[in-house]
Amino acid sequence: MATTWVAADASACGTCSVGDPTLTIVGMEQPKANRARTSAMVRVRNDSIGDSNVDELTLSEQRMEFGGAYSPTDRFSLSLMMPVVHRLITEVNLAEASIWAPGDLDFRMKGVIWRDRKFAPKHLVSLIGGLEFPTSTIEYGPEGRPLPLEFQAGTGSWDPIVGASYGLFMDPWSLFVSSIAIFPTTGIGDTQASNSFRQTVLGQYQPWTFLAFQLGVEFRIDGPGYIEGVRDPNTGGHITYGTLGIVAMPHEKALIQVTAALPMIQRLDGTHREGFAFIAGVVYEI
């Protein structure tokens, strides 16, 4: 058995190095000293805001996210995520506006505050802190004023992030629970995006070493947003998504993730509806 573990560690297999065979995407992995991962992900979603035949805006967004995570110790991780965003806005008169632009850089720190044992823990409790940086470009209208947030690739504000997570690893089953709060400051065009609380519960079943199935729920509560101190009536409320996905390991250092998210409950304020979302990406263990 000792020979088996030494050979696995020498191959730099991430799941072997932490003593647990669970396939995990970036943000859900177990920290290990000097563990580094990179990722590339595509997110596709649709959204509509405003009254039909009056002032409705339809948003189609494709977002490419490039990220990386590094654990300097077996209790602490750092991650960065940089999006490149394409947004197509269709107005009620069928006029269209299209942008390609960088989004807001997302930086997060995650520290394990409790685990049941050092090697191959079954239970992990972590605290999360971070910041979204205003790295997105600002899109302007013909009169020289910044366009509304719907037309922007990011909020253009400094947004603190706080949260906590719990991981359960009991091969072939695992569970990930995350609670995150984001507090946007004043950004583009004297606008302030909504404070947001996001709850994720994701279960995973892994019948084979190379393939896992995921089923989860994502719940989000948003506060009101403001434009020049006036509340935007189409902000605030809550929405619940059901998610279904797979994670595959075609190579010992690479993972492929595909996830579909469908809104099951929408209680968003004003006339605001979100649609189906699709996520696909790859994670590579350095």
Protein backbone atom coordinates (compact mmCIF):
# COMPACT_ATOMS: atom_id res chain seq x y z
CA MET A 1 0.00 0.00 0.00
CA ALA A 2 2.84 2.41 0.79
CA THR A 3 4.29 1.84 -2.67
CA THR A 4 0.91 2.64 -4.23
CA TRP A 5 0.65 6.01 -2.43
CA VAL A 6 4.20 7.01 -3.34
CA ALA A 7 3.61 6.24 -7.02
CA ALA A 8 0.35 8.20 -7.05
CA ASP A 9 1.97 11.21 -5.41
CA ALA A 10 4.81 11.18 -7.90
CA SER A 11 2.35 11.41 -10.77
CA ALA A 12 1.15 14.79 -9.38
CA CYS A 13 -2.47 13.62 -9.40
CA GLY A 14 -4.41 16.24 -7.41
CA THR A 15 -6.98 13.84 -5.94
CA CYS A 16 -4.23 11.45 -4.83
CA SER A 17 -2.17 14.22 -3.23
CA VAL A 18 -4.98 15.14 -0.84
CA GLY A 19 -5.83 11.51 -0.11
CA ASP A 20 -9.36 11.71 -1.50
CA PRO A 21 -10.54 10.48 -4.95
CA THR A 22 -13.40 13.02 -5.27
CA LEU A 23 -13.39 15.00 -8.52
CA THR A 24 -13.65 18.69 -7.59
CA ILE A 25 -13.81 21.88 -9.64
CA VAL A 26 -12.00 25.10 -8.67
CA GLY A 27 -13.39 26.49 -5.40
CA MET A 28 -14.52 23.12 -4.06
CA GLU A 29 -11.14 21.38 -3.82
CA GLN A 30 -9.31 20.41 -0.65
CA PRO A 31 -6.30 22.64 0.01
CA LYS A 32 -2.84 21.08 -0.12
CA ALA A 33 0.46 22.90 0.23
CA ASN A 34 1.67 24.13 -3.18
CA ARG A 35 -1.40 22.83 -5.02
CA ALA A 36 -2.09 24.95 -8.13
CA ARG A 37 -4.93 24.73 -10.65
CA THR A 38 -5.99 26.74 -13.67
CA SER A 39 -9.42 26.88 -15.29
CA ALA A 40 -11.29 28.20 -18.30
CA MET A 41 -15.07 28.32 -18.30
CA VAL A 42 -17.87 29.50 -20.57
CA ARG A 43 -21.20 30.68 -19.12
CA VAL A 44 -24.23 31.38 -21.32
CA ARG A 45 -27.44 32.96 -19.99
CA ASN A 46 -30.49 35.02 -21.00
CA ASP A 47 -32.33 37.73 -19.10
CA SER A 48 -35.18 40.18 -19.68
CA ILE A 49 -35.94 43.46 -17.91
CA GLY A 50 -38.90 45.81 -18.37
CA ASP A 51 -42.47 45.61 -19.62
CA SER A 52 -43.18 43.72 -22.84
CA ASN A 53 -44.03 46.09 -25.73
CA VAL A 54 -43.13 49.10 -23.55
CA ASP A 55 -39.50 49.24 -22.42
CA GLU A 56 -38.33 45.63 -22.37
CA LEU A 57 -34.63 44.87 -22.74
CA THR A 58 -33.56 41.33 -23.61
CA LEU A 59 -30.04 40.33 -22.61
CA SER A 60 -28.05 37.48 -24.12
CA GLU A 61 -24.69 37.01 -22.41
CA GLN A 62 -21.71 34.79 -23.15
CA ARG A 63 -18.96 34.97 -20.53
CA MET A 64 -15.52 33.38 -20.73
CA GLU A 65 -13.86 33.13 -17.32
CA PHE A 66 -10.14 32.47 -16.92
CA GLY A 67 -9.10 31.52 -13.41
CA GLY A 68 -6.53 29.99 -11.17
CA ALA A 69 -6.21 28.78 -7.59
CA TYR A 70 -3.15 28.24 -5.41
CA SER A 71 -2.80 26.78 -1.91
CA PRO A 72 0.42 27.88 -0.17
CA THR A 73 -0.51 25.66 2.81
CA ASP A 74 -2.94 22.81 3.49
CA ARG A 75 -5.35 25.26 5.16
CA PHE A 76 -5.30 28.32 2.90
CA SER A 77 -6.15 28.96 -0.76
CA LEU A 78 -6.08 31.97 -3.07
CA SER A 79 -8.03 32.28 -6.32
CA LEU A 80 -8.40 34.75 -9.17
CA MET A 81 -11.05 34.83 -11.89
CA MET A 82 -10.99 37.22 -14.85
CA PRO A 83 -14.02 37.31 -17.19
CA VAL A 84 -14.27 38.43 -20.79
CA VAL A 85 -17.90 39.26 -21.56
CA HIS A 86 -20.04 39.46 -24.67
CA ARG A 87 -23.45 41.05 -24.18
CA LEU A 88 -26.14 41.47 -26.81
CA ILE A 89 -28.95 43.82 -25.74
CA THR A 90 -32.17 43.88 -27.78
CA GLU A 91 -34.59 46.74 -27.12
CA VAL A 92 -38.35 46.58 -27.58
CA ASN A 93 -38.03 48.30 -30.99
CA LEU A 94 -35.58 45.50 -32.00
CA ALA A 95 -32.58 47.86 -31.90
CA GLU A 96 -29.47 45.96 -30.79
CA ALA A 97 -26.31 46.86 -28.94
CA SER A 98 -23.39 44.46 -28.69
CA ILE A 99 -20.26 44.72 -26.54
CA TRP A 100 -17.10 42.68 -26.00
CA ALA A 101 -15.26 43.80 -22.89
CA PRO A 102 -13.31 42.59 -19.85
CA GLY A 103 -15.42 42.12 -16.72
CA ASP A 104 -14.57 42.71 -13.07
CA LEU A 105 -11.65 40.73 -11.61
CA ASP A 106 -12.71 38.43 -8.74
CA PHE A 107 -10.15 37.69 -5.99
CA ARG A 108 -10.93 35.31 -3.11
CA MET A 109 -9.19 33.86 -0.07
CA LYS A 110 -10.38 30.67 1.59
CA GLY A 111 -9.15 29.37 4.93
CA VAL A 112 -9.99 26.04 6.59
CA ILE A 113 -11.02 26.70 10.19
CA TRP A 114 -11.96 23.09 11.08
CA ARG A 115 -11.40 19.61 9.69
CA ASP A 116 -11.83 16.22 11.29
CA ARG A 117 -8.30 15.10 10.37
CA LYS A 118 -5.24 16.36 8.49
CA PHE A 119 -4.98 13.75 5.71
CA ALA A 120 -8.04 12.85 3.63
CA PRO A 121 -10.53 14.74 5.86
CA LYS A 122 -14.21 13.94 5.50
CA HIS A 123 -15.40 17.28 6.87
CA LEU A 124 -14.05 20.74 5.99
CA VAL A 125 -15.38 24.08 7.29
CA SER A 126 -13.90 27.21 5.69
CA LEU A 127 -14.25 30.98 5.79
CA ILE A 128 -14.15 33.02 2.57
CA GLY A 129 -13.20 36.63 1.93
CA GLY A 130 -12.53 38.53 -1.24
CA LEU A 131 -12.97 41.53 -3.47
CA GLU A 132 -14.24 42.28 -6.97
CA PHE A 133 -12.06 44.88 -8.69
CA PRO A 134 -13.44 47.52 -11.12
CA THR A 135 -11.44 46.25 -14.12
CA SER A 136 -14.31 46.38 -16.61
CA THR A 137 -14.35 49.05 -19.27
CA ILE A 138 -17.15 51.67 -19.29
CA GLU A 139 -19.53 51.82 -22.26
CA TYR A 140 -20.87 55.31 -23.12
CA GLY A 141 -23.89 56.50 -25.08
CA PRO A 142 -23.83 59.13 -27.88
CA GLU A 143 -24.43 61.92 -25.33
CA GLY A 144 -21.28 60.91 -23.45
CA ARG A 145 -23.03 59.46 -20.37
CA PRO A 146 -22.33 55.92 -19.13
CA LEU A 147 -24.91 53.43 -20.34
CA PRO A 148 -27.08 51.56 -17.77
CA LEU A 149 -25.58 48.53 -16.00
CA GLU A 150 -27.45 46.17 -18.36
CA PHE A 151 -25.15 47.43 -21.13
CA GLN A 152 -21.94 47.08 -19.07
CA ALA A 153 -19.64 44.06 -18.70
CA GLY A 154 -19.26 44.76 -14.97
CA THR A 155 -20.35 47.13 -12.21
CA GLY A 156 -17.12 49.15 -12.17
CA SER A 157 -17.13 49.15 -8.36
CA TRP A 158 -15.07 47.73 -5.49
CA ASP A 159 -17.22 44.92 -4.10
CA PRO A 160 -16.24 43.16 -0.83
CA ILE A 161 -17.09 39.43 -0.55
CA VAL A 162 -17.57 37.42 2.66
CA GLY A 163 -18.83 33.89 3.22
CA ALA A 164 -18.35 30.37 4.50
CA SER A 165 -18.40 26.86 3.07
CA TYR A 166 -18.69 23.25 4.18
CA GLY A 167 -17.41 20.19 2.35
CA LEU A 168 -18.30 16.56 3.02
CA PHE A 169 -16.20 13.85 1.34
CA MET A 170 -17.45 10.27 1.73
CA ASP A 171 -16.49 8.44 -1.47
CA PRO A 172 -18.47 7.93 -3.70
CA TRP A 173 -20.69 10.69 -2.23
CA SER A 174 -19.78 14.30 -1.52
CA LEU A 175 -21.59 17.48 -0.57
CA PHE A 176 -20.62 21.14 -0.94
CA VAL A 177 -22.48 23.98 0.81
CA SER A 178 -21.51 27.62 0.26
CA SER A 179 -22.93 30.91 1.59
CA ILE A 180 -21.60 34.10 -0.02
CA ALA A 181 -22.55 37.78 0.44
CA ILE A 182 -21.43 40.54 -1.94
CA PHE A 183 -21.65 44.25 -1.03
CA PRO A 184 -21.21 46.48 -4.11
CA THR A 185 -20.08 50.07 -3.72
CA THR A 186 -20.86 52.98 -6.08
CA GLY A 187 -19.78 52.17 -9.61
CA ILE A 188 -20.38 53.16 -13.23
CA GLY A 189 -22.50 56.31 -13.79
CA ASP A 190 -23.25 56.81 -10.06
CA THR A 191 -24.99 53.43 -9.94
CA GLN A 192 -24.90 50.94 -7.10
CA ALA A 193 -25.63 47.31 -7.84
CA SER A 194 -27.68 45.21 -5.43
CA ASN A 195 -26.28 43.69 -2.26
CA SER A 196 -26.50 39.96 -2.94
CA PHE A 197 -26.62 36.79 -0.81
CA ARG A 198 -25.99 33.51 -2.62
CA GLN A 199 -26.54 30.02 -1.22
CA THR A 200 -25.32 26.89 -3.00
CA VAL A 201 -26.02 23.28 -2.04
CA LEU A 202 -24.42 20.76 -4.39
CA GLY A 203 -24.46 16.98 -4.05
CA GLN A 204 -22.20 14.71 -6.07
CA TYR A 205 -22.18 10.98 -6.77
CA GLN A 206 -19.04 9.48 -8.31
CA PRO A 207 -19.59 5.86 -9.39
CA TRP A 208 -16.26 5.74 -11.27
CA THR A 209 -12.89 7.36 -10.70
CA PHE A 210 -13.23 9.30 -13.95
CA LEU A 211 -16.89 10.47 -13.85
CA ALA A 212 -19.20 12.16 -11.34
CA PHE A 213 -22.80 13.40 -11.45
CA GLN A 214 -23.96 16.58 -9.70
CA LEU A 215 -27.36 17.75 -8.53
CA GLY A 216 -27.83 21.03 -6.72
CA VAL A 217 -29.80 24.12 -5.80
CA GLU A 218 -28.64 27.73 -6.03
CA PHE A 219 -30.60 30.40 -4.17
CA ARG A 220 -29.99 34.15 -4.50
CA ILE A 221 -31.46 37.11 -2.62
CA ASP A 222 -30.81 40.60 -4.01
CA GLY A 223 -31.42 43.96 -2.40
CA PRO A 224 -32.43 47.05 -4.39
CA GLY A 225 -30.05 48.72 -6.81
CA TYR A 226 -29.78 52.49 -7.24
CA ILE A 227 -29.17 54.86 -10.16
CA GLU A 228 -28.02 58.33 -9.05
CA GLY A 229 -29.60 57.70 -5.65
CA VAL A 230 -32.97 56.56 -7.06
CA ARG A 231 -34.04 52.93 -6.66
CA ASP A 232 -34.15 50.87 -9.83
CA PRO A 233 -37.62 49.25 -9.72
CA ASN A 234 -36.41 46.17 -11.57
CA THR A 235 -33.86 45.15 -8.93
CA GLY A 236 -34.24 43.10 -5.77
CA GLY A 237 -36.06 39.89 -4.88
CA HIS A 238 -35.00 36.28 -4.94
CA ILE A 239 -34.56 33.41 -7.39
CA THR A 240 -33.88 29.67 -7.03
CA TYR A 241 -32.09 27.60 -9.68
CA GLY A 242 -31.94 23.84 -9.96
CA THR A 243 -28.64 22.58 -11.37
CA LEU A 244 -27.64 19.33 -13.04
CA GLY A 245 -24.10 18.57 -14.13
CA ILE A 246 -21.28 16.13 -14.74
CA VAL A 247 -17.55 16.24 -13.99
CA ALA A 248 -15.25 14.01 -16.03
CA MET A 249 -11.50 13.30 -15.78
CA PRO A 250 -10.12 12.48 -19.25
CA HIS A 251 -6.56 12.84 -17.91
CA GLU A 252 -5.10 12.63 -14.40
CA LYS A 253 -4.40 16.37 -14.47
CA ALA A 254 -7.52 17.57 -16.30
CA LEU A 255 -11.22 17.83 -15.47
CA ILE A 256 -14.15 18.75 -17.69
CA GLN A 257 -17.32 20.24 -16.18
CA VAL A 258 -20.74 20.70 -17.82
CA THR A 259 -23.68 22.16 -15.86
CA ALA A 260 -27.19 23.30 -16.75
CA ALA A 261 -29.14 25.66 -14.46
CA LEU A 262 -32.91 26.16 -14.72
CA PRO A 263 -34.83 28.79 -12.70
CA MET A 264 -37.46 26.98 -10.60
CA ILE A 265 -38.75 29.87 -8.43
CA GLN A 266 -38.60 33.53 -9.44
CA ARG A 267 -39.70 36.30 -7.08
CA LEU A 268 -37.71 39.15 -8.59
CA ASP A 269 -39.00 42.68 -8.07
CA GLY A 270 -40.41 44.72 -10.94
CA THR A 271 -40.47 43.18 -14.39
CA HIS A 272 -37.30 41.12 -14.34
CA ARG A 273 -36.99 37.49 -15.39
CA GLU A 274 -33.93 35.29 -15.73
CA GLY A 275 -33.70 32.33 -18.06
CA PHE A 276 -31.83 29.07 -18.57
CA ALA A 277 -28.06 29.11 -17.99
CA PHE A 278 -25.38 26.74 -19.29
CA ILE A 279 -21.82 26.31 -18.01
CA ALA A 280 -18.93 24.34 -19.53
CA GLY A 281 -15.29 24.41 -18.58
CA VAL A 282 -11.99 22.69 -18.01
CA VAL A 283 -9.73 22.55 -14.94
CA TYR A 284 -6.04 21.68 -15.19
CA GLU A 285 -3.84 20.61 -12.27
CA ILE A 286 -0.39 22.18 -12.53
